[in-house]
Amino acid sequence: MHACGLVVEYNPFHHGHYYHLQMAKKQTSADCIIAVMSGNFLQRGEPAITDKFSRAKMAIDQGVDIVIELPYSNVVQHSDLFSLGAVQILNEMLVSSICFGSENGDITAFQRAFDRYKQNQLLFNKTLKDELSLGNSFPTANNKAFQKIGMADTNELDLMQPNNILGFSYLKAIEKVNPTMQPFTIQRKQSDYHDQHITKPFASATSIRNMLLTNGVMDQTINETLSQNSIAYLNAYKQTTGIWHTWENYFSLLQYRVLTMSKESLKNIHGIDEGIENRMTRTAKEATSFKEWMQLLKTKRYTQTRLQRIFTHILTNTTKQSINEIQQVPFSYIRLLGLSEQGKAYLNQTKKDRAIPLLTQFKKQSSLMMAMEERVTDAYYAILSPNIRKKMRKQELEPPYQKKE
């Protein structure tokens, strides 16, 4: 069986994701689609609107064959580390191709850009370092480095677009992990990644979340952008927990953490450097909401995405040392969240060829990575009432979701 890998967040699973899934099957002629998915927190440093279990069920019910969790240590990171972790896991799952969505939609443009990058890598790295030292954010410095090696002159690939940036990072990761893995890309349909307002039928996940959180309930406009399965799982999660997760839910917890941590402890949190801990402590006393706190903190160097990642690491007590220790060793397991009958057949066929154990449910802690995932789970559910929190945590001990054909 031939497997194709997707790197996803499904926050929530919408019509654009279904289109990507179907086109990936068509382009790669894959027998099995394996999605490596961010867990309860996402790459841009945000809590997922519903937990990973609900989102995995959405994906399996819509035609994904296997859903694997991308470990937290690779999720809440810049694009290169995020992509590297995802490609490493997909390689361990023995996929022969990866298909990603992009604003560009032409894999030859990515390959030409990557060839130029490889030919000028030393100049690129020096420019990136110099631009960061001038106080530019990572995306800005990254783009200036691309301009320096002439990639921006071709007008073929806009590397300020978020999905193009991720796509380019996938090519870098494939080169490092397994160059025989074949990349494919699908052009995003209609909506832009950052669109705040719904464009039917292919709305961005951002616009869907904004309307959900603003309205507090489903309405016809939202329903037209989602499958019946996604609508059912979103409603079920809200009915069980009383919320859809957003940073505002965590504001009091974050404020308490920052105001009661010592400066030394705060400095040890992953992502905190250059004295931002002082500004964070000062503004924590002024802010009355997460949105206001973000406005008080943002600078040219500290973008909202970078700050959200820092807040995620504060909430989960993720230190520089813990991230470094985990990233020094190979993955100790692969976490399975859901599978179809076709996915089950693929796992049975490949089980002798996989080098890393497939974990179907959490048991006794056996690695640094597992200990970190347990902390992250506790942090995500911390805003729920004790009884509901206990119920949601039990999902970690249950077998993965299986869709019966």
Protein backbone atom coordinates (compact mmCIF):
# COMPACT_ATOMS: atom_id res chain seq x y z
CA MET A 1 0.00 0.00 0.00
CA HIS A 2 1.18 3.50 -0.90
CA ALA A 3 0.68 6.20 1.75
CA CYS A 4 0.59 9.98 1.41
CA GLY A 5 1.19 12.26 4.37
CA LEU A 6 -0.61 15.50 5.27
CA VAL A 7 0.43 17.99 7.96
CA VAL A 8 -2.69 19.48 9.52
CA GLU A 9 -4.39 21.25 12.41
CA TYR A 10 -8.09 20.87 11.46
CA ASN A 11 -9.19 23.68 13.74
CA PRO A 12 -11.91 22.80 12.78
CA PHE A 13 -12.10 20.48 9.75
CA HIS A 14 -13.85 22.43 6.95
CA HIS A 15 -14.61 22.17 3.23
CA GLY A 16 -11.15 23.44 2.25
CA HIS A 17 -9.59 20.60 4.22
CA TYR A 18 -11.86 18.09 2.49
CA TYR A 19 -10.82 19.50 -0.91
CA HIS A 20 -7.13 19.18 0.09
CA LEU A 21 -7.72 15.58 1.19
CA GLN A 22 -9.46 14.59 -2.04
CA MET A 23 -6.90 16.31 -4.26
CA ALA A 24 -4.05 14.68 -2.33
CA LYS A 25 -5.58 11.26 -3.04
CA LYS A 26 -5.99 12.16 -6.70
CA GLN A 27 -2.50 13.63 -7.23
CA THR A 28 -0.58 10.91 -5.40
CA SER A 29 -2.81 7.88 -6.14
CA ALA A 30 -2.39 7.00 -2.47
CA ASP A 31 -4.08 3.96 -0.94
CA CYS A 32 -3.81 5.46 2.55
CA ILE A 33 -3.85 9.08 3.79
CA ILE A 34 -1.94 9.73 7.00
CA ALA A 35 -2.42 13.08 8.73
CA VAL A 36 0.05 14.24 11.38
CA MET A 37 -1.95 16.73 13.42
CA SER A 38 -1.13 19.35 16.05
CA GLY A 39 -2.49 18.39 19.45
CA ASN A 40 -4.32 20.66 21.87
CA PHE A 41 -2.10 23.66 21.07
CA LEU A 42 -1.24 24.88 17.59
CA GLN A 43 1.80 26.04 15.62
CA ARG A 44 0.94 29.75 15.94
CA GLY A 45 0.71 29.44 19.72
CA GLU A 46 -3.03 29.10 20.22
CA PRO A 47 -5.28 26.63 22.04
CA ALA A 48 -7.26 24.55 19.55
CA ILE A 49 -10.98 25.38 19.58
CA THR A 50 -11.74 21.76 20.57
CA ASP A 51 -9.40 19.09 21.83
CA LYS A 52 -7.35 16.79 19.62
CA PHE A 53 -9.74 13.85 20.06
CA SER A 54 -12.72 15.71 18.59
CA ARG A 55 -10.62 17.00 15.70
CA ALA A 56 -9.21 13.54 14.97
CA LYS A 57 -12.76 12.15 14.78
CA MET A 58 -13.73 14.92 12.33
CA ALA A 59 -10.79 13.92 10.12
CA ILE A 60 -11.38 10.17 10.19
CA ASP A 61 -15.10 10.57 9.48
CA GLN A 62 -14.26 12.76 6.47
CA GLY A 63 -11.88 10.25 4.87
CA VAL A 64 -8.45 10.51 6.50
CA ASP A 65 -7.20 6.97 7.20
CA ILE A 66 -4.78 7.57 10.08
CA VAL A 67 -4.38 10.55 12.42
CA ILE A 68 -1.08 10.85 14.30
CA GLU A 69 -0.38 13.50 16.95
CA LEU A 70 2.57 15.82 16.34
CA PRO A 71 4.39 16.15 19.69
CA TYR A 72 4.13 19.48 21.50
CA SER A 73 7.91 19.96 21.38
CA ASN A 74 7.62 20.39 17.61
CA VAL A 75 4.19 22.00 17.37
CA VAL A 76 4.57 25.37 19.10
CA GLN A 77 7.67 26.35 17.14
CA HIS A 78 8.70 28.30 14.07
CA SER A 79 8.02 26.73 10.67
CA ASP A 80 11.33 24.85 10.27
CA LEU A 81 11.06 22.94 13.57
CA PHE A 82 7.35 22.33 13.10
CA SER A 83 7.94 20.94 9.59
CA LEU A 84 10.94 18.86 10.60
CA GLY A 85 9.00 17.08 13.34
CA ALA A 86 6.06 16.41 11.03
CA VAL A 87 8.24 15.03 8.23
CA GLN A 88 10.22 12.85 10.65
CA ILE A 89 7.01 11.26 11.93
CA LEU A 90 5.59 10.76 8.44
CA ASN A 91 8.88 9.17 7.41
CA GLU A 92 8.59 6.79 10.37
CA MET A 93 5.09 6.00 9.14
CA LEU A 94 6.67 5.06 5.79
CA VAL A 95 4.84 7.54 3.57
CA SER A 96 6.24 7.93 0.07
CA SER A 97 4.80 11.40 -0.54
CA ILE A 98 3.67 14.53 1.28
CA CYS A 99 0.97 16.85 -0.02
CA PHE A 100 0.60 20.34 1.46
CA GLY A 101 -1.68 23.28 0.77
CA SER A 102 -0.12 26.54 -0.40
CA GLU A 103 -1.03 29.93 -1.79
CA ASN A 104 1.17 29.17 -4.82
CA GLY A 105 -0.05 25.69 -5.75
CA ASP A 106 2.89 24.88 -8.10
CA ILE A 107 5.44 22.41 -6.77
CA THR A 108 7.98 23.34 -9.47
CA ALA A 109 8.12 26.90 -8.07
CA PHE A 110 8.96 25.47 -4.65
CA GLN A 111 11.61 23.16 -6.09
CA ARG A 112 13.28 25.96 -8.10
CA ALA A 113 13.29 28.18 -5.00
CA PHE A 114 14.74 25.37 -2.91
CA ASP A 115 17.52 24.76 -5.45
CA ARG A 116 18.50 28.43 -5.27
CA TYR A 117 18.39 28.30 -1.47
CA LYS A 118 20.75 25.29 -1.40
CA GLN A 119 23.20 27.05 -3.72
CA ASN A 120 23.27 30.15 -1.48
CA GLN A 121 22.73 28.68 1.96
CA LEU A 122 25.72 30.33 3.66
CA LEU A 123 24.70 33.80 2.47
CA PHE A 124 21.09 33.10 3.45
CA ASN A 125 22.05 32.04 6.99
CA LYS A 126 24.33 35.05 7.49
CA THR A 127 21.65 37.47 6.29
CA LEU A 128 19.04 35.87 8.50
CA LYS A 129 21.30 36.20 11.55
CA ASP A 130 22.14 39.82 10.72
CA GLU A 131 18.50 40.80 10.23
CA LEU A 132 17.46 39.16 13.51
CA SER A 133 20.22 41.07 15.32
CA LEU A 134 18.74 44.31 13.94
CA GLY A 135 15.50 43.58 15.76
CA ASN A 136 13.41 42.23 12.90
CA SER A 137 10.87 39.46 13.52
CA PHE A 138 11.72 36.00 12.22
CA PRO A 139 9.27 36.19 9.24
CA THR A 140 10.67 39.60 8.19
CA ALA A 141 14.28 38.51 8.63
CA ASN A 142 13.55 35.29 6.75
CA ASN A 143 12.05 37.21 3.83
CA LYS A 144 15.01 39.61 3.69
CA ALA A 145 17.37 36.64 3.57
CA PHE A 146 15.39 35.21 0.65
CA GLN A 147 15.61 38.58 -1.09
CA LYS A 148 19.36 38.66 -0.53
CA ILE A 149 19.87 35.41 -2.47
CA GLY A 150 17.62 36.60 -5.28
CA MET A 151 14.59 34.42 -4.64
CA ALA A 152 12.20 37.37 -4.44
CA ASP A 153 13.30 38.56 -7.89
CA THR A 154 11.67 35.62 -9.65
CA ASN A 155 8.13 36.51 -8.49
CA GLU A 156 7.43 32.77 -8.54
CA LEU A 157 7.01 32.13 -4.82
CA ASP A 158 5.81 34.68 -2.26
CA LEU A 159 7.57 33.64 0.91
CA MET A 160 5.66 36.10 3.07
CA GLN A 161 2.52 33.95 2.64
CA PRO A 162 2.06 31.57 5.63
CA ASN A 163 1.35 28.35 3.74
CA ASN A 164 4.11 29.03 1.20
CA ILE A 165 6.51 29.49 4.13
CA LEU A 166 5.42 26.16 5.63
CA GLY A 167 5.64 24.46 2.23
CA PHE A 168 9.20 25.64 1.75
CA SER A 169 10.03 24.34 5.23
CA TYR A 170 8.60 20.93 4.27
CA LEU A 171 11.02 20.78 1.32
CA LYS A 172 13.93 21.60 3.63
CA ALA A 173 12.80 18.90 6.07
CA ILE A 174 12.35 16.31 3.30
CA GLU A 175 15.90 16.98 2.09
CA LYS A 176 17.20 16.42 5.61
CA VAL A 177 15.06 13.40 6.56
CA ASN A 178 14.44 11.42 3.37
CA PRO A 179 15.08 12.98 -0.08
CA THR A 180 13.22 10.14 -1.80
CA MET A 181 9.95 11.38 -0.31
CA GLN A 182 8.01 13.16 -3.07
CA PRO A 183 6.39 16.56 -2.36
CA PHE A 184 3.09 17.70 -3.87
CA THR A 185 1.14 20.90 -3.30
CA ILE A 186 -2.50 21.95 -3.69
CA GLN A 187 -3.49 25.59 -4.15
CA ARG A 188 -5.72 26.93 -1.41
CA LYS A 189 -9.25 27.61 -2.64
CA GLN A 190 -10.75 31.11 -2.35
CA SER A 191 -10.11 32.13 1.25
CA ASP A 192 -6.83 33.40 2.63
CA TYR A 193 -5.33 31.80 5.73
CA HIS A 194 -5.76 35.05 7.70
CA ASP A 195 -9.25 35.94 6.42
CA GLN A 196 -11.38 37.17 9.31
CA HIS A 197 -14.73 36.91 7.50
CA ILE A 198 -16.39 33.86 6.01
CA THR A 199 -16.27 33.32 2.26
CA LYS A 200 -18.48 30.41 1.24
CA PRO A 201 -18.08 27.57 0.65
CA PHE A 202 -14.30 27.56 1.25
CA ALA A 203 -13.88 29.64 4.39
CA SER A 204 -10.65 29.89 6.37
CA ALA A 205 -10.51 28.20 9.76
CA THR A 206 -9.74 31.64 11.23
CA SER A 207 -13.00 33.13 9.92
CA ILE A 208 -15.01 30.10 11.09
CA ARG A 209 -13.53 30.32 14.60
CA ASN A 210 -14.11 34.06 14.77
CA MET A 211 -17.79 33.68 13.93
CA LEU A 212 -18.22 30.71 16.27
CA LEU A 213 -16.64 32.58 19.18
CA THR A 214 -18.49 35.81 18.40
CA ASN A 215 -21.91 34.18 18.05
CA GLY A 216 -21.41 31.47 20.64
CA VAL A 217 -23.61 29.14 18.60
CA MET A 218 -23.80 27.63 15.13
CA ASP A 219 -25.77 29.47 12.48
CA GLN A 220 -26.57 28.88 8.81
CA THR A 221 -23.52 30.82 7.58
CA ILE A 222 -21.14 28.69 9.64
CA ASN A 223 -22.99 25.46 8.83
CA GLU A 224 -22.46 26.00 5.09
CA THR A 225 -18.67 25.92 5.57
CA LEU A 226 -18.54 22.65 7.54
CA SER A 227 -19.56 19.03 7.12
CA GLN A 228 -22.32 17.60 9.26
CA ASN A 229 -19.68 15.57 11.13
CA SER A 230 -17.68 18.68 12.07
CA ILE A 231 -20.82 20.50 13.17
CA ALA A 232 -21.84 17.53 15.34
CA TYR A 233 -18.43 17.26 17.03
CA LEU A 234 -18.18 21.01 17.63
CA ASN A 235 -21.64 21.09 19.20
CA ALA A 236 -20.93 17.98 21.27
CA TYR A 237 -17.71 19.45 22.64
CA LYS A 238 -19.46 22.72 23.55
CA GLN A 239 -22.31 20.81 25.20
CA THR A 240 -19.87 18.71 27.27
CA THR A 241 -17.41 21.41 28.32
CA GLY A 242 -19.45 24.60 28.06
CA ILE A 243 -16.80 26.30 25.90
CA TRP A 244 -14.85 26.43 22.70
CA HIS A 245 -11.27 27.22 23.67
CA THR A 246 -9.79 30.67 23.10
CA TRP A 247 -6.93 32.57 24.72
CA GLU A 248 -9.36 34.74 26.69
CA ASN A 249 -10.39 31.62 28.64
CA TYR A 250 -6.81 31.32 29.90
CA PHE A 251 -6.16 35.00 30.69
CA SER A 252 -6.53 34.74 34.48
CA LEU A 253 -4.33 31.63 34.62
CA LEU A 254 -1.62 33.29 32.54
CA GLN A 255 -1.78 36.50 34.54
CA TYR A 256 -1.46 34.54 37.79
CA ARG A 257 1.47 32.54 36.43
CA VAL A 258 3.43 35.57 35.28
CA LEU A 259 2.77 37.63 38.42
CA THR A 260 3.76 34.83 40.80
CA MET A 261 6.77 33.41 38.95
CA SER A 262 10.23 34.63 39.87
CA LYS A 263 12.11 36.53 37.17
CA GLU A 264 14.60 33.67 37.01
CA SER A 265 11.86 31.08 36.48
CA LEU A 266 10.27 33.23 33.80
CA LYS A 267 13.60 33.65 32.01
CA ASN A 268 13.95 29.86 31.85
CA ILE A 269 10.71 29.48 29.87
CA HIS A 270 11.25 28.45 26.24
CA GLY A 271 11.06 31.44 23.90
CA ILE A 272 11.78 34.14 26.51
CA ASP A 273 14.91 36.16 25.89
CA GLU A 274 16.23 39.72 25.54
CA GLY A 275 14.47 40.89 28.69
CA ILE A 276 10.88 40.36 27.47
CA GLU A 277 10.13 38.87 30.91
CA ASN A 278 10.40 42.38 32.45
CA ARG A 279 7.91 43.85 29.97
CA MET A 280 5.64 40.83 30.47
CA THR A 281 5.56 41.21 34.26
CA ARG A 282 4.94 44.95 34.06
CA THR A 283 2.10 44.71 31.55
CA ALA A 284 0.49 41.80 33.40
CA LYS A 285 -0.45 44.29 36.14
CA GLU A 286 -2.13 46.61 33.64
CA ALA A 287 -3.99 44.26 31.29
CA THR A 288 -7.62 43.33 31.93
CA SER A 289 -7.94 40.86 29.04
CA PHE A 290 -5.72 38.70 26.87
CA LYS A 291 -6.36 40.96 23.88
CA GLU A 292 -5.33 44.05 25.83
CA TRP A 293 -2.23 42.30 27.16
CA MET A 294 -1.20 41.37 23.64
CA GLN A 295 -1.57 44.98 22.50
CA LEU A 296 0.62 46.17 25.38
CA LEU A 297 3.32 43.60 24.56
CA LYS A 298 3.58 43.61 20.76
CA THR A 299 6.65 45.14 19.12
CA LYS A 300 8.39 44.82 15.76
CA ARG A 301 10.52 41.98 17.13
CA TYR A 302 7.83 40.39 19.29
CA THR A 303 4.96 39.64 16.91
CA GLN A 304 1.62 38.29 18.12
CA THR A 305 2.54 34.78 16.98
CA ARG A 306 5.83 34.84 18.87
CA LEU A 307 4.13 36.14 22.01
CA GLN A 308 1.37 33.53 21.78
CA ARG A 309 4.00 30.80 21.62
CA ILE A 310 5.67 32.22 24.72
CA PHE A 311 2.32 32.32 26.54
CA THR A 312 1.70 28.70 25.56
CA HIS A 313 5.07 27.70 27.03
CA ILE A 314 4.34 29.68 30.21
CA LEU A 315 0.95 27.98 30.57
CA THR A 316 2.46 24.52 30.07
CA ASN A 317 5.63 25.30 32.09
CA THR A 318 7.86 24.40 29.14
CA THR A 319 11.43 25.40 29.84
CA LYS A 320 14.36 25.90 27.49
CA GLN A 321 16.06 22.92 29.13
CA SER A 322 13.10 20.55 28.64
CA ILE A 323 12.79 21.42 24.94
CA ASN A 324 16.54 21.03 24.41
CA GLU A 325 16.60 17.65 26.15
CA ILE A 326 13.70 16.29 24.10
CA GLN A 327 15.10 17.57 20.80
CA GLN A 328 18.45 15.87 21.46
CA VAL A 329 16.90 12.41 21.22
CA PRO A 330 14.75 10.66 18.58
CA PHE A 331 11.01 10.32 19.05
CA SER A 332 10.33 7.60 21.63
CA TYR A 333 6.86 6.78 20.32
CA ILE A 334 4.23 7.78 17.76
CA ARG A 335 0.78 8.63 19.16
CA LEU A 336 -2.18 7.25 17.23
CA LEU A 337 -5.41 9.27 17.62
CA GLY A 338 -7.70 7.68 15.04
CA LEU A 339 -7.91 5.29 12.10
CA SER A 340 -10.25 3.87 9.47
CA GLU A 341 -10.45 0.25 8.33
CA GLN A 342 -8.04 1.14 5.51
CA GLY A 343 -5.71 2.73 8.05
CA LYS A 344 -5.87 -0.40 10.19
CA ALA A 345 -4.91 -2.52 7.17
CA TYR A 346 -1.96 -0.22 6.44
CA LEU A 347 -0.71 -0.42 10.02
CA ASN A 348 -0.91 -4.21 9.94
CA GLN A 349 0.97 -4.34 6.65
CA THR A 350 3.78 -2.02 7.82
CA LYS A 351 4.14 -3.00 11.48
CA LYS A 352 7.34 -5.00 10.94
CA ASP A 353 8.98 -2.12 9.08
CA ARG A 354 8.28 0.67 11.60
CA ALA A 355 11.16 1.34 13.97
CA ILE A 356 9.28 3.40 16.59
CA PRO A 357 6.46 1.95 18.73
CA LEU A 358 2.94 3.10 17.97
CA LEU A 359 1.21 4.29 21.14
CA THR A 360 -2.56 3.84 21.19
CA GLN A 361 -3.18 5.18 24.71
CA PHE A 362 -1.18 6.74 27.51
CA LYS A 363 0.02 4.50 30.28
CA LYS A 364 2.80 5.01 32.83
CA GLN A 365 5.18 7.83 31.90
CA SER A 366 8.17 6.34 30.14
CA SER A 367 9.88 9.32 28.49
CA LEU A 368 10.50 13.06 28.72
CA MET A 369 8.22 13.55 25.73
CA MET A 370 5.35 11.72 27.43
CA ALA A 371 5.81 13.76 30.62
CA MET A 372 5.64 16.96 28.58
CA GLU A 373 2.49 15.81 26.78
CA GLU A 374 0.84 15.09 30.13
CA ARG A 375 1.60 18.64 31.34
CA VAL A 376 0.26 20.09 28.11
CA THR A 377 -2.98 18.10 28.45
CA ASP A 378 -3.44 19.31 32.03
CA ALA A 379 -2.85 22.91 30.96
CA TYR A 380 -5.35 22.71 28.10
CA TYR A 381 -8.16 21.33 30.28
CA ALA A 382 -7.29 23.51 33.32
CA ILE A 383 -10.06 26.02 32.52
CA LEU A 384 -12.78 23.36 32.80
CA SER A 385 -14.66 22.42 35.96
CA PRO A 386 -13.00 19.60 37.96
CA ASN A 387 -15.56 16.92 37.00
CA ILE A 388 -15.47 17.78 33.30
CA ARG A 389 -11.68 18.05 33.37
CA LYS A 390 -11.45 14.56 34.85
CA LYS A 391 -13.75 13.20 32.15
CA MET A 392 -11.80 14.82 29.30
CA ARG A 393 -8.45 13.62 30.63
CA LYS A 394 -9.71 10.02 30.63
CA GLN A 395 -9.63 10.13 26.84
CA GLU A 396 -5.84 9.86 27.05
CA LEU A 397 -6.26 6.38 28.50
CA GLU A 398 -8.73 5.18 25.87
CA PRO A 399 -7.97 3.45 22.55
CA PRO A 400 -7.88 5.58 19.38
CA TYR A 401 -11.09 6.37 17.55
CA GLN A 402 -11.91 3.78 14.87
CA LYS A 403 -14.37 4.37 12.07
CA LYS A 404 -16.18 1.25 10.98
CA GLU A 405 -16.83 1.02 7.25
